[in-house]
Amino acid sequence: MQTVQTKAIEVKGLQKSYKQHQVLKGVDFEVEKGSIFALLGSNGAGKTTVVKILTTLLKPDGGTAVINGFDTVFRPDHVRQAIGLTGQFAAVDEILTGRENLIMIAKLRYLKNPRQVADNMLERFGLTDAADRKASTYSGGMRRRLDIALSLVGNPQIIFLDEPTTGLDPEARIEVWKIVKELADGGTTVLLTTQYLEEAEQLADRIAILHEGKIIANGTLQDLKKMFPPAETVYVEKQPTLEEIFLAIVGKQEGK
């Protein structure tokens, strides 16, 4: 009897060094299909390195990364067909219009009716009115929406969002949160890296904390709350925020 693949991402013992500096020291985690997984960590923790390995942009020095059942090193073409990537900075061509950007990506993915694909994505992301304006005239939030739309052309099963709301104002950030929730509700698996702890608290089904090249905590928000010291009760119990949990966990590791 054939088993059903329930894991969209499986990472085991992932290692990566740049010259003498070891960035990843044996990273392990799994992501269920159709879920939102948040990878938290300070600057330099290795979050972007993990994303680059999972999206076939880097090869690991050790360990394995399997995306949708395919190894990123041995079956990179199959991995690329299943994924979309939005990096820290919007990768849109600012000389082209929003529509032209989407048509270009649809053609690169060899999709039928690229203009219709572009029109559908423009409507989905609320960009129809700005479709024929150059992307250089877009606001930060509009540019990020276009960037995410570009990564979703072809309906990839898994999308990687590497700090997608960096530099956005609160209103634009909430727009992106809404898009991420809609993606997961539609069955897309989302791996999100972020420094905004509230973002992970609002969006993620599971949260992992990457610190000094290793995963030091991994679970639901409720699982992580159990790692936090019991709240002091004066009149009401004070529930810890994810930010307090993050700082407490990282502090324990540094105090070892």
Protein backbone atom coordinates (compact mmCIF):
# COMPACT_ATOMS: atom_id res chain seq x y z
CA MET A 1 0.00 0.00 0.00
CA GLN A 2 1.44 3.37 -1.03
CA THR A 3 1.89 5.89 1.79
CA VAL A 4 0.60 9.41 1.33
CA GLN A 5 3.30 12.10 1.45
CA THR A 6 2.26 14.52 4.22
CA LYS A 7 5.55 16.43 4.55
CA ALA A 8 6.14 19.27 2.13
CA ILE A 9 9.64 19.94 3.50
CA GLU A 10 12.03 17.60 5.32
CA VAL A 11 15.37 18.95 6.54
CA LYS A 12 17.89 16.71 8.29
CA GLY A 13 21.36 17.60 9.58
CA LEU A 14 21.74 20.60 7.27
CA GLN A 15 25.25 22.13 7.38
CA LYS A 16 26.78 25.07 5.54
CA SER A 17 30.00 27.03 5.97
CA TYR A 18 31.38 30.15 4.33
CA LYS A 19 35.16 29.87 4.41
CA GLN A 20 36.00 29.32 8.10
CA HIS A 21 32.59 30.34 9.43
CA GLN A 22 30.03 27.58 9.94
CA VAL A 23 26.58 29.12 9.50
CA LEU A 24 24.44 25.98 9.79
CA LYS A 25 25.50 23.31 12.28
CA GLY A 26 22.99 20.53 11.76
CA VAL A 27 19.53 21.96 11.17
CA ASP A 28 16.50 19.65 11.43
CA PHE A 29 12.81 20.39 10.88
CA GLU A 30 9.75 19.27 8.92
CA VAL A 31 6.85 21.21 7.45
CA GLU A 32 3.41 19.69 6.94
CA LYS A 33 1.66 20.24 3.61
CA GLY A 34 -0.73 23.18 3.60
CA SER A 35 0.69 24.71 6.78
CA ILE A 36 2.51 27.95 7.62
CA PHE A 37 5.93 27.37 9.18
CA ALA A 38 7.81 30.35 10.62
CA LEU A 39 11.60 30.28 10.97
CA LEU A 40 12.69 32.89 13.49
CA GLY A 41 16.20 34.12 14.19
CA SER A 42 18.34 37.18 14.71
CA ASN A 43 20.42 38.72 11.92
CA GLY A 44 23.15 36.25 10.93
CA ALA A 45 21.36 33.24 12.43
CA GLY A 46 21.30 31.51 9.02
CA LYS A 47 17.64 31.91 7.99
CA THR A 48 18.38 33.10 4.46
CA THR A 49 21.04 30.40 4.04
CA VAL A 50 18.40 27.78 4.88
CA VAL A 51 16.01 29.28 2.32
CA LYS A 52 18.71 29.39 -0.37
CA ILE A 53 19.49 25.70 0.17
CA LEU A 54 15.81 24.71 0.14
CA THR A 55 15.24 26.65 -3.10
CA THR A 56 18.32 25.10 -4.81
CA LEU A 57 20.28 28.39 -4.89
CA LEU A 58 22.98 26.89 -2.62
CA LYS A 59 24.24 23.38 -2.05
CA PRO A 60 24.64 22.21 1.55
CA ASP A 61 27.96 20.97 2.88
CA GLY A 62 26.17 18.20 4.74
CA GLY A 63 22.71 16.86 5.53
CA THR A 64 19.69 16.64 3.26
CA ALA A 65 16.80 18.86 2.21
CA VAL A 66 13.79 17.22 0.57
CA ILE A 67 11.07 19.36 -1.02
CA ASN A 68 7.82 17.71 -2.08
CA GLY A 69 9.63 14.36 -2.07
CA PHE A 70 12.61 15.54 -4.15
CA ASP A 71 16.16 16.06 -2.91
CA THR A 72 17.37 19.62 -3.57
CA VAL A 73 20.83 18.43 -4.64
CA PHE A 74 19.95 15.45 -6.81
CA ARG A 75 16.57 16.58 -8.22
CA PRO A 76 16.79 20.39 -8.33
CA ASP A 77 14.65 20.72 -11.48
CA HIS A 78 11.77 18.87 -9.84
CA VAL A 79 12.12 21.04 -6.73
CA ARG A 80 12.01 24.27 -8.77
CA GLN A 81 8.81 23.18 -10.50
CA ALA A 82 7.10 22.84 -7.10
CA ILE A 83 8.19 26.09 -5.44
CA GLY A 84 7.96 29.86 -5.53
CA LEU A 85 10.32 32.28 -3.78
CA THR A 86 9.93 35.84 -2.55
CA GLY A 87 13.19 37.24 -1.20
CA GLN A 88 13.91 40.04 1.25
CA PHE A 89 13.86 42.61 -1.55
CA ALA A 90 11.19 42.76 -4.24
CA ALA A 91 12.54 41.13 -7.42
CA VAL A 92 10.40 43.02 -9.90
CA ASP A 93 11.63 44.60 -13.12
CA GLU A 94 10.90 48.27 -12.51
CA ILE A 95 11.20 49.18 -16.21
CA LEU A 96 8.25 46.91 -17.03
CA THR A 97 4.64 47.41 -16.03
CA GLY A 98 2.99 45.12 -13.49
CA ARG A 99 1.23 43.26 -16.31
CA GLU A 100 4.46 42.88 -18.31
CA ASN A 101 6.27 41.48 -15.27
CA LEU A 102 3.63 38.80 -14.82
CA ILE A 103 3.46 37.95 -18.55
CA MET A 104 7.25 37.54 -18.61
CA ILE A 105 7.20 35.05 -15.70
CA ALA A 106 4.26 33.15 -17.20
CA LYS A 107 6.21 32.77 -20.45
CA LEU A 108 9.34 31.63 -18.57
CA ARG A 109 7.20 28.95 -16.91
CA TYR A 110 5.87 27.93 -20.35
CA LEU A 111 2.25 28.54 -19.32
CA LYS A 112 -0.56 28.75 -21.82
CA ASN A 113 -2.30 32.12 -22.24
CA PRO A 114 0.28 34.21 -20.31
CA ARG A 115 -1.82 37.38 -20.69
CA GLN A 116 -4.82 35.68 -19.06
CA VAL A 117 -2.56 34.37 -16.29
CA ALA A 118 -1.31 37.92 -15.71
CA ASP A 119 -4.84 39.36 -15.64
CA ASN A 120 -5.95 36.74 -13.10
CA MET A 121 -3.01 37.49 -10.80
CA LEU A 122 -3.51 41.26 -11.09
CA GLU A 123 -7.13 40.86 -10.02
CA ARG A 124 -6.26 38.44 -7.22
CA PHE A 125 -3.73 40.84 -5.73
CA GLY A 126 -5.72 44.03 -6.22
CA LEU A 127 -3.38 45.47 -8.85
CA THR A 128 -5.68 45.70 -11.87
CA ASP A 129 -5.93 49.49 -11.73
CA ALA A 130 -2.11 49.75 -11.69
CA ALA A 131 -1.55 46.98 -14.25
CA ASP A 132 -0.19 49.24 -16.99
CA ARG A 133 1.95 51.46 -14.79
CA LYS A 134 5.67 50.85 -14.51
CA ALA A 135 6.56 48.94 -11.35
CA SER A 136 8.92 51.78 -10.43
CA THR A 137 5.83 53.91 -9.65
CA TYR A 138 4.40 51.35 -7.19
CA SER A 139 4.37 51.90 -3.44
CA GLY A 140 6.31 49.48 -1.23
CA GLY A 141 3.18 47.50 -0.43
CA MET A 142 2.13 47.30 -4.09
CA ARG A 143 5.63 46.23 -5.13
CA ARG A 144 5.60 43.48 -2.50
CA ARG A 145 2.16 42.29 -3.64
CA LEU A 146 3.43 42.14 -7.21
CA ASP A 147 6.52 40.27 -6.04
CA ILE A 148 4.42 37.64 -4.27
CA ALA A 149 2.15 37.41 -7.32
CA LEU A 150 5.20 36.74 -9.50
CA SER A 151 6.30 33.91 -7.20
CA LEU A 152 2.82 32.35 -7.42
CA VAL A 153 2.58 32.25 -11.22
CA GLY A 154 2.05 28.61 -12.14
CA ASN A 155 0.48 27.77 -8.75
CA PRO A 156 3.52 26.33 -6.93
CA GLN A 157 2.68 23.94 -4.11
CA ILE A 158 5.24 25.49 -1.75
CA ILE A 159 6.21 29.14 -1.37
CA PHE A 160 9.18 30.54 0.51
CA LEU A 161 8.83 34.05 1.92
CA ASP A 162 12.16 35.37 3.17
CA GLU A 163 11.36 38.33 5.44
CA PRO A 164 8.54 39.44 3.11
CA THR A 165 7.45 42.47 5.15
CA THR A 166 10.86 44.02 5.80
CA GLY A 167 10.64 47.78 5.30
CA LEU A 168 6.86 47.85 4.86
CA ASP A 169 4.59 50.16 6.81
CA PRO A 170 2.04 48.55 9.21
CA GLU A 171 -0.84 48.77 6.72
CA ALA A 172 1.17 47.09 3.92
CA ARG A 173 2.40 44.45 6.38
CA ILE A 174 -1.19 43.55 7.28
CA GLU A 175 -1.96 43.25 3.54
CA VAL A 176 0.84 40.69 3.19
CA TRP A 177 -0.39 38.80 6.26
CA LYS A 178 -3.81 38.50 4.64
CA ILE A 179 -2.26 37.12 1.45
CA VAL A 180 -0.22 34.53 3.41
CA LYS A 181 -3.31 33.33 5.29
CA GLU A 182 -5.25 33.04 2.02
CA LEU A 183 -2.44 30.99 0.48
CA ALA A 184 -2.46 28.49 3.33
CA ASP A 185 -6.27 28.33 3.33
CA GLY A 186 -6.01 27.40 -0.37
CA GLY A 187 -3.64 24.51 0.38
CA THR A 188 -0.29 26.17 -0.37
CA THR A 189 2.55 25.35 2.02
CA VAL A 190 4.30 28.48 3.28
CA LEU A 191 7.75 28.71 4.86
CA LEU A 192 8.21 32.17 6.29
CA THR A 193 11.36 33.70 7.74
CA THR A 194 10.94 36.83 9.78
CA GLN A 195 12.42 39.02 12.49
CA TYR A 196 8.97 40.36 13.36
CA LEU A 197 7.88 38.05 16.15
CA GLU A 198 4.30 39.33 16.02
CA GLU A 199 4.23 38.17 12.40
CA ALA A 200 4.99 34.58 13.38
CA GLU A 201 2.56 34.79 16.28
CA GLN A 202 -0.25 35.91 13.95
CA LEU A 203 0.44 33.55 11.03
CA ALA A 204 2.32 30.39 11.89
CA ASP A 205 0.99 26.92 12.62
CA ARG A 206 4.46 25.97 13.86
CA ILE A 207 7.45 28.10 14.81
CA ALA A 208 11.15 27.18 14.91
CA ILE A 209 13.89 29.33 16.43
CA LEU A 210 17.26 29.23 14.66
CA HIS A 211 20.14 30.37 16.85
CA GLU A 212 23.87 30.09 16.19
CA GLY A 213 23.32 27.61 13.38
CA LYS A 214 20.93 25.24 15.17
CA ILE A 215 17.21 24.89 15.82
CA ILE A 216 16.87 25.45 19.56
CA ALA A 217 13.06 25.32 19.77
CA ASN A 218 10.33 23.99 17.46
CA GLY A 219 6.61 23.71 18.05
CA THR A 220 3.28 25.47 18.09
CA LEU A 221 2.94 28.80 19.88
CA GLN A 222 1.37 26.94 22.80
CA ASP A 223 4.34 24.51 22.88
CA LEU A 224 6.76 27.43 23.07
CA LYS A 225 4.74 29.13 25.78
CA LYS A 226 5.23 26.03 27.95
CA MET A 227 9.00 26.65 27.77
CA PHE A 228 8.51 30.08 29.32
CA PRO A 229 8.62 30.35 33.14
CA PRO A 230 5.15 30.30 34.74
CA ALA A 231 3.57 33.73 34.78
CA GLU A 232 3.53 35.64 38.05
CA THR A 233 -0.02 36.13 39.23
CA VAL A 234 -0.94 39.34 40.91
CA TYR A 235 -4.60 39.82 39.96
CA VAL A 236 -4.54 38.20 36.50
CA GLU A 237 -2.11 35.82 34.86
CA LYS A 238 0.24 37.53 32.44
CA GLN A 239 0.57 35.52 29.24
CA PRO A 240 4.04 35.74 27.64
CA THR A 241 4.33 37.21 24.18
CA LEU A 242 6.29 35.38 21.50
CA GLU A 243 8.95 38.09 21.80
CA GLU A 244 9.44 37.29 25.51
CA ILE A 245 9.57 33.55 24.74
CA PHE A 246 12.13 34.10 21.95
CA LEU A 247 14.42 36.20 24.14
CA ALA A 248 14.16 33.75 27.04
CA ILE A 249 15.02 30.73 24.86
CA VAL A 250 17.92 32.45 23.14
CA GLY A 251 19.19 33.69 26.50
CA LYS A 252 19.21 30.16 27.93
CA GLN A 253 21.34 28.94 25.00
CA GLU A 254 23.84 31.77 25.40
CA GLY A 255 24.08 31.13 29.13
CA LYS A 256 25.16 27.51 28.68
